[in-house]
Amino acid sequence: MSHLVTLGRVLVKTCAALLLCSLFQIVANAQARIRLATLLPQGTSQYHSLEAMGQQWRTGTNGAITLTIYAGGIMGSEKETVSRMRLGQLQAATLSVGGLSEIDPAVGALQKIPLLYRSLDEMEYVRRKLEKDIQIRLEDKGFWVLFWTDAGWVNILCRQPYAHPDEFKKGKVFVTADDHQEIELINHLGFRAVPLEWSDVFLSLQTGMVDTVPVTPFYAEASQLDTVAKHLLLLNYVPLVGATVVTKKTWEALTPEQRDVLQKAGAEAGKKIQERSRAEAQEAIEAMKKRSGLQVEAVPAGLQEEWRRFAESVYPRMRGNLIPADIFDKALSLVAEYRAEFANGQGNARP
């Protein structure tokens, strides 16, 4: 009988220990300090949207989830940021397609195909249709998408008044240093690609190391690139698409209620970033005109078609190399679908 009593006491103690461990694990999972890195400069409207998101996280989880933002690239390039996330040094990041492509190249279909999209509505349509496929790919690689957003169009800033594709072959085009396939693609188009970090662009324009920079007007104005490159070609080269991602390990450690708070606040932040970024593009152009005398060149329909034919010549090289063939084909198919259904892709109707 004494043996049975002793055994019972051991079982009770064991169950109590297991229960305490489980409770400890629940508490531990409910607490999280999320470190987020981004190239977005501190003080910008986009940065403030991320700050507001973090405050909503803290409030909505009674202080259990806190957000620390490392802005302005202080954690390194987007490639380095992704590496830090994989090592557990960071739990989240707001990345452009360039950085997201380090996780999975399928994301490139949203941005990297030059002159594929004729309107931002068209791009959004494709993005929504591809989100599920891309989410699965990113999740398989250990990342969860909190929200998608965009910053409007990437135009072409240049030291010379270039307009036609052949004219740009005389120049030197900035390409992000980590994007080796993009470098190869630019060179294949007949341009001279110069790989650099974004932090080196201003000085490189000053010295003539580069003379052409595909960039959003907002970033050009914020970085004062217009003070050394005074010609902006309003060619809607590609949309600047991005997303905020969280490591899957971090995401799965949260409670369902906490995930809901993060996702809703993220969706609101993404919407605000997108709306403000698009509005700031024209504001930035006007500011640069006043500050540096920026010369803005519109692109007439005939020249747009010339650029489009020029860009399409490289699509076969991109398919299956820069972007997985199935996703590349689906993006082109969705563009055709949109144009057949919504105002010929001119953005006059939103699905």
Protein backbone atom coordinates (compact mmCIF):
# COMPACT_ATOMS: atom_id res chain seq x y z
CA MET A 1 0.00 0.00 0.00
CA SER A 2 2.85 2.39 0.89
CA HIS A 3 4.26 1.81 -2.56
CA LEU A 4 0.97 2.85 -4.12
CA VAL A 5 0.85 6.02 -1.99
CA THR A 6 4.41 6.88 -2.95
CA LEU A 7 3.64 6.26 -6.62
CA GLY A 8 0.56 8.45 -6.37
CA ARG A 9 2.56 11.27 -4.84
CA VAL A 10 5.13 11.01 -7.63
CA LEU A 11 2.40 11.13 -10.28
CA VAL A 12 0.80 14.17 -8.66
CA LYS A 13 4.15 15.99 -8.50
CA THR A 14 4.92 15.04 -12.09
CA CYS A 15 1.54 16.29 -13.33
CA ALA A 16 1.96 19.50 -11.36
CA ALA A 17 5.43 20.05 -12.85
CA LEU A 18 4.12 19.42 -16.37
CA LEU A 19 1.24 21.84 -15.77
CA LEU A 20 3.62 24.53 -14.52
CA CYS A 21 5.85 24.00 -17.55
CA SER A 22 2.85 24.33 -19.84
CA LEU A 23 1.70 27.50 -18.10
CA PHE A 24 5.21 28.91 -18.28
CA GLN A 25 5.34 28.15 -22.00
CA ILE A 26 1.99 29.89 -22.57
CA VAL A 27 3.20 32.99 -20.73
CA ALA A 28 6.49 32.92 -22.61
CA ASN A 29 4.68 32.61 -25.93
CA ALA A 30 2.42 35.51 -25.03
CA GLN A 31 5.38 37.87 -24.57
CA ALA A 32 7.37 39.03 -27.59
CA ARG A 33 9.74 41.84 -28.44
CA ILE A 34 9.72 42.06 -32.21
CA ARG A 35 12.74 43.69 -33.83
CA LEU A 36 11.95 45.03 -37.31
CA ALA A 37 14.52 46.33 -39.83
CA THR A 38 13.85 48.47 -42.89
CA LEU A 39 15.60 50.72 -45.38
CA LEU A 40 12.86 53.32 -44.86
CA PRO A 41 14.38 56.47 -43.37
CA GLN A 42 13.37 57.49 -39.86
CA GLY A 43 10.97 60.42 -39.81
CA THR A 44 9.21 59.60 -43.08
CA SER A 45 5.47 59.03 -43.28
CA GLN A 46 6.13 55.33 -43.95
CA TYR A 47 8.22 55.08 -40.81
CA HIS A 48 5.48 56.79 -38.79
CA SER A 49 2.96 54.25 -40.12
CA LEU A 50 5.17 51.44 -38.80
CA GLU A 51 5.45 53.26 -35.46
CA ALA A 52 1.65 53.54 -35.26
CA MET A 53 1.38 49.84 -36.05
CA GLY A 54 3.72 49.05 -33.16
CA GLN A 55 1.66 51.15 -30.80
CA GLN A 56 -1.46 49.25 -31.85
CA TRP A 57 0.35 46.00 -31.15
CA ARG A 58 1.27 47.13 -27.66
CA THR A 59 -2.21 48.44 -26.88
CA GLY A 60 -4.08 45.52 -28.43
CA THR A 61 -2.03 42.93 -26.52
CA ASN A 62 -1.93 44.78 -23.18
CA GLY A 63 1.77 45.40 -23.57
CA ALA A 64 2.71 41.81 -24.37
CA ILE A 65 3.95 42.59 -27.90
CA THR A 66 6.43 45.41 -28.39
CA LEU A 67 7.99 46.61 -31.64
CA THR A 68 11.48 48.03 -32.06
CA ILE A 69 12.21 49.54 -35.49
CA TYR A 70 15.71 49.73 -36.96
CA ALA A 71 15.30 52.21 -39.81
CA GLY A 72 17.48 53.66 -42.53
CA GLY A 73 19.36 50.45 -43.28
CA ILE A 74 21.29 50.39 -40.00
CA MET A 75 20.95 46.60 -40.01
CA GLY A 76 22.56 46.45 -43.45
CA SER A 77 21.22 45.73 -46.91
CA GLU A 78 17.97 43.86 -47.45
CA LYS A 79 19.96 40.71 -48.16
CA GLU A 80 21.74 41.10 -44.82
CA THR A 81 18.39 41.79 -43.13
CA VAL A 82 16.96 38.50 -44.43
CA SER A 83 20.07 36.69 -43.18
CA ARG A 84 19.65 38.26 -39.74
CA MET A 85 16.05 37.08 -39.63
CA ARG A 86 17.11 33.55 -40.45
CA LEU A 87 19.65 33.70 -37.62
CA GLY A 88 17.01 34.97 -35.18
CA GLN A 89 18.66 38.38 -34.70
CA LEU A 90 15.58 40.05 -36.20
CA GLN A 91 11.98 38.89 -36.10
CA ALA A 92 10.49 41.11 -38.83
CA ALA A 93 11.36 43.37 -41.74
CA THR A 94 9.73 45.74 -44.18
CA LEU A 95 11.31 44.80 -47.49
CA SER A 96 11.07 45.70 -51.14
CA VAL A 97 10.67 43.00 -53.76
CA GLY A 98 14.47 42.98 -54.01
CA GLY A 99 14.76 41.77 -50.42
CA LEU A 100 11.73 39.49 -50.61
CA SER A 101 13.26 37.80 -53.66
CA GLU A 102 16.11 36.70 -51.38
CA ILE A 103 13.49 34.54 -49.68
CA ASP A 104 11.75 33.37 -52.86
CA PRO A 105 12.21 34.67 -56.42
CA ALA A 106 8.49 34.31 -57.23
CA VAL A 107 7.93 37.70 -55.58
CA GLY A 108 9.76 39.27 -58.53
CA ALA A 109 6.64 38.91 -60.67
CA LEU A 110 5.11 41.83 -58.76
CA GLN A 111 7.85 44.29 -59.61
CA LYS A 112 10.83 43.08 -61.59
CA ILE A 113 9.23 42.66 -65.03
CA PRO A 114 9.89 46.06 -66.65
CA LEU A 115 6.93 47.89 -68.16
CA LEU A 116 4.58 44.97 -67.59
CA TYR A 117 2.00 47.07 -65.76
CA ARG A 118 0.22 50.07 -67.28
CA SER A 119 -1.53 51.15 -64.10
CA LEU A 120 -1.22 50.60 -60.35
CA ASP A 121 -4.73 49.16 -60.30
CA GLU A 122 -3.52 46.57 -62.78
CA MET A 123 -0.57 45.67 -60.55
CA GLU A 124 -2.81 45.42 -57.48
CA TYR A 125 -5.13 43.06 -59.34
CA VAL A 126 -2.22 40.76 -60.17
CA ARG A 127 -0.84 41.06 -56.63
CA ARG A 128 -4.12 39.99 -55.04
CA LYS A 129 -4.44 37.05 -57.41
CA LEU A 130 -0.87 35.90 -56.74
CA GLU A 131 -0.84 36.52 -52.98
CA LYS A 132 -1.91 33.01 -52.04
CA ASP A 133 0.73 31.34 -54.21
CA ILE A 134 3.46 33.66 -52.97
CA GLN A 135 2.36 33.35 -49.33
CA ILE A 136 2.69 29.56 -49.54
CA ARG A 137 6.18 29.86 -51.02
CA LEU A 138 7.33 32.34 -48.36
CA GLU A 139 5.79 30.31 -45.56
CA ASP A 140 7.62 27.22 -46.79
CA LYS A 141 10.83 29.26 -46.44
CA GLY A 142 9.99 30.27 -42.86
CA PHE A 143 8.29 33.66 -43.27
CA TRP A 144 4.77 35.01 -42.76
CA VAL A 145 3.47 38.03 -44.70
CA LEU A 146 1.91 40.60 -42.41
CA PHE A 147 0.90 43.02 -45.17
CA TRP A 148 1.61 44.04 -48.77
CA THR A 149 1.98 47.62 -49.95
CA ASP A 150 3.51 49.74 -52.68
CA ALA A 151 5.11 53.16 -53.08
CA GLY A 152 3.90 53.99 -56.57
CA TRP A 153 6.05 54.07 -59.68
CA VAL A 154 9.79 53.87 -60.14
CA ASN A 155 10.82 56.51 -62.70
CA ILE A 156 14.27 57.18 -64.16
CA LEU A 157 16.47 59.93 -62.73
CA CYS A 158 19.47 60.88 -64.84
CA ARG A 159 22.26 63.42 -65.13
CA GLN A 160 21.57 63.74 -68.88
CA PRO A 161 18.28 64.45 -70.68
CA TYR A 162 17.98 60.90 -72.02
CA ALA A 163 14.60 59.70 -73.28
CA HIS A 164 15.01 56.81 -75.76
CA PRO A 165 16.30 53.35 -74.73
CA ASP A 166 19.37 53.63 -76.98
CA GLU A 167 20.38 56.89 -75.30
CA PHE A 168 20.58 55.18 -71.93
CA LYS A 169 23.05 52.68 -73.34
CA LYS A 170 25.59 55.53 -73.25
CA GLY A 171 25.21 55.85 -69.48
CA LYS A 172 25.91 53.90 -66.31
CA VAL A 173 22.88 52.52 -64.47
CA PHE A 174 22.72 51.97 -60.72
CA VAL A 175 21.69 48.45 -59.66
CA THR A 176 21.59 47.18 -56.07
CA ALA A 177 24.79 45.31 -55.32
CA ASP A 178 23.17 42.10 -54.05
CA ASP A 179 20.92 41.59 -57.06
CA HIS A 180 23.23 39.65 -59.36
CA GLN A 181 20.48 38.49 -61.72
CA GLU A 182 19.23 42.07 -62.12
CA ILE A 183 22.78 43.16 -62.93
CA GLU A 184 22.97 40.49 -65.60
CA LEU A 185 19.58 41.54 -66.97
CA ILE A 186 20.51 45.23 -67.20
CA ASN A 187 23.71 44.35 -68.99
CA HIS A 188 21.79 42.09 -71.36
CA LEU A 189 19.58 45.04 -72.29
CA GLY A 190 22.71 46.81 -73.46
CA PHE A 191 23.04 49.13 -70.46
CA ARG A 192 26.10 49.32 -68.21
CA ALA A 193 25.07 48.17 -64.74
CA VAL A 194 26.99 49.57 -61.76
CA PRO A 195 26.28 47.56 -58.57
CA LEU A 196 26.15 49.72 -55.42
CA GLU A 197 24.39 50.04 -52.08
CA TRP A 198 21.69 52.71 -51.87
CA SER A 199 23.81 54.57 -49.33
CA ASP A 200 26.48 55.09 -52.03
CA VAL A 201 24.19 56.43 -54.76
CA PHE A 202 24.45 60.17 -53.97
CA LEU A 203 28.25 60.22 -53.97
CA SER A 204 28.38 58.00 -57.05
CA LEU A 205 26.15 60.44 -58.93
CA GLN A 206 28.39 63.29 -57.83
CA THR A 207 31.55 61.59 -59.08
CA GLY A 208 29.96 60.28 -62.28
CA MET A 209 30.40 56.65 -61.27
CA VAL A 210 26.72 56.33 -62.18
CA ASP A 211 24.50 58.73 -64.11
CA THR A 212 21.17 56.89 -64.17
CA VAL A 213 19.09 55.77 -61.19
CA PRO A 214 15.69 54.00 -61.38
CA VAL A 215 14.01 55.47 -58.29
CA THR A 216 10.74 56.71 -56.84
CA PRO A 217 10.40 60.53 -56.78
CA PHE A 218 9.92 60.44 -53.02
CA TYR A 219 13.23 58.68 -52.40
CA ALA A 220 15.03 60.91 -54.89
CA GLU A 221 13.75 64.01 -53.09
CA ALA A 222 14.44 62.67 -49.58
CA SER A 223 18.01 61.70 -50.56
CA GLN A 224 18.61 64.95 -52.49
CA LEU A 225 19.57 63.00 -55.61
CA ASP A 226 18.02 65.75 -57.73
CA THR A 227 20.78 68.15 -56.69
CA VAL A 228 23.24 66.17 -58.83
CA ALA A 229 20.90 64.48 -61.35
CA LYS A 230 18.43 67.03 -62.70
CA HIS A 231 16.45 65.06 -65.29
CA LEU A 232 13.49 62.82 -64.45
CA LEU A 233 11.92 60.68 -67.17
CA LEU A 234 8.32 59.92 -66.16
CA LEU A 235 8.49 56.42 -67.52
CA ASN A 236 6.54 54.07 -65.26
CA TYR A 237 9.33 51.51 -65.33
CA VAL A 238 8.13 49.24 -62.51
CA PRO A 239 5.96 49.69 -59.41
CA LEU A 240 7.87 49.68 -56.12
CA VAL A 241 6.20 46.84 -54.23
CA GLY A 242 7.03 45.71 -50.72
CA ALA A 243 5.79 43.75 -47.74
CA THR A 244 6.34 43.42 -44.03
CA VAL A 245 7.20 39.87 -43.06
CA VAL A 246 7.62 38.10 -39.74
CA THR A 247 9.59 34.93 -39.17
CA LYS A 248 7.34 31.91 -39.00
CA LYS A 249 8.91 30.92 -35.67
CA THR A 250 7.89 34.27 -34.17
CA TRP A 251 4.42 34.12 -35.70
CA GLU A 252 3.68 30.61 -34.44
CA ALA A 253 4.78 31.54 -30.91
CA LEU A 254 1.96 34.10 -30.68
CA THR A 255 -1.56 33.34 -29.50
CA PRO A 256 -4.38 33.44 -32.09
CA GLU A 257 -5.66 36.63 -30.48
CA GLN A 258 -2.25 38.28 -30.76
CA ARG A 259 -1.90 37.24 -34.40
CA ASP A 260 -5.26 38.85 -35.11
CA VAL A 261 -4.10 42.13 -33.54
CA LEU A 262 -0.85 42.11 -35.53
CA GLN A 263 -2.55 41.25 -38.81
CA LYS A 264 -5.24 43.93 -38.50
CA ALA A 265 -2.79 46.64 -37.47
CA GLY A 266 -0.48 45.55 -40.27
CA ALA A 267 -3.22 45.79 -42.88
CA GLU A 268 -4.00 49.33 -41.71
CA ALA A 269 -0.32 50.31 -41.84
CA GLY A 270 0.06 48.88 -45.34
CA LYS A 271 -2.93 50.85 -46.58
CA LYS A 272 -1.62 54.09 -45.06
CA ILE A 273 1.88 53.57 -46.45
CA GLN A 274 0.48 52.94 -49.92
CA GLU A 275 -1.89 55.92 -49.94
CA ARG A 276 0.68 58.34 -48.58
CA SER A 277 3.55 57.09 -50.75
CA ARG A 278 1.56 57.51 -53.94
CA ALA A 279 0.50 61.01 -52.96
CA GLU A 280 4.04 61.96 -52.01
CA ALA A 281 5.35 61.10 -55.47
CA GLN A 282 3.84 64.20 -57.08
CA GLU A 283 4.62 66.30 -54.01
CA ALA A 284 8.26 65.23 -54.27
CA ILE A 285 8.43 66.13 -57.96
CA GLU A 286 7.11 69.63 -57.28
CA ALA A 287 9.53 70.05 -54.37
CA MET A 288 12.50 69.01 -56.56
CA LYS A 289 11.45 71.42 -59.30
CA LYS A 290 11.61 74.27 -56.80
CA ARG A 291 14.77 73.13 -55.05
CA SER A 292 17.05 72.12 -57.90
CA GLY A 293 15.27 73.07 -61.08
CA LEU A 294 14.55 69.42 -61.87
CA GLN A 295 13.56 68.93 -65.50
CA VAL A 296 10.64 66.51 -65.80
CA GLU A 297 10.08 64.79 -69.13
CA ALA A 298 6.76 63.14 -69.95
CA VAL A 299 6.75 60.06 -72.17
CA PRO A 300 4.41 60.32 -75.18
CA ALA A 301 2.46 57.25 -76.31
CA GLY A 302 4.81 56.46 -79.20
CA LEU A 303 7.88 56.51 -76.97
CA GLN A 304 6.10 54.41 -74.34
CA GLU A 305 5.44 51.77 -76.97
CA GLU A 306 9.09 51.89 -78.03
CA TRP A 307 10.17 51.33 -74.43
CA ARG A 308 7.62 48.54 -74.00
CA ARG A 309 8.90 46.63 -77.04
CA PHE A 310 12.44 47.14 -75.78
CA ALA A 311 11.58 45.74 -72.34
CA GLU A 312 9.62 42.80 -73.69
CA SER A 313 12.68 41.64 -75.60
CA VAL A 314 14.19 40.52 -72.31
CA TYR A 315 11.12 38.68 -70.96
CA PRO A 316 12.21 35.26 -72.29
CA ARG A 317 15.49 35.64 -70.42
CA MET A 318 13.67 36.50 -67.18
CA ARG A 319 11.23 33.60 -67.37
CA GLY A 320 12.59 30.65 -65.40
CA ASN A 321 15.75 32.50 -64.41
CA LEU A 322 14.87 35.68 -62.55
CA ILE A 323 11.29 34.56 -61.87
CA PRO A 324 9.93 30.96 -61.76
CA ALA A 325 8.31 30.13 -65.10
CA ASP A 326 4.90 29.21 -63.66
CA ILE A 327 4.60 32.47 -61.70
CA PHE A 328 5.94 34.53 -64.62
CA ASP A 329 3.34 33.00 -66.95
CA LYS A 330 0.56 33.51 -64.42
CA ALA A 331 1.46 37.20 -63.98
CA LEU A 332 1.29 37.82 -67.73
CA SER A 333 -1.96 35.89 -67.95
CA LEU A 334 -3.49 37.93 -65.14
CA VAL A 335 -2.45 41.17 -66.82
CA ALA A 336 -4.26 40.05 -69.98
CA GLU A 337 -7.26 39.03 -67.87
CA TYR A 338 -7.40 42.45 -66.23
CA ARG A 339 -7.16 44.31 -69.52
CA ALA A 340 -9.93 42.21 -71.01
CA GLU A 341 -12.23 42.96 -68.09
CA PHE A 342 -11.34 46.40 -66.72
CA ALA A 343 -11.07 49.39 -69.06
CA ASN A 344 -8.19 47.97 -71.11
CA GLY A 345 -5.79 48.21 -68.16
CA GLN A 346 -5.95 52.00 -67.92
CA GLY A 347 -6.92 51.95 -64.25
CA ASN A 348 -10.39 53.44 -64.84
CA ALA A 349 -12.10 50.58 -63.07
CA ARG A 350 -11.07 48.90 -59.84
CA PRO A 351 -11.99 45.25 -59.34
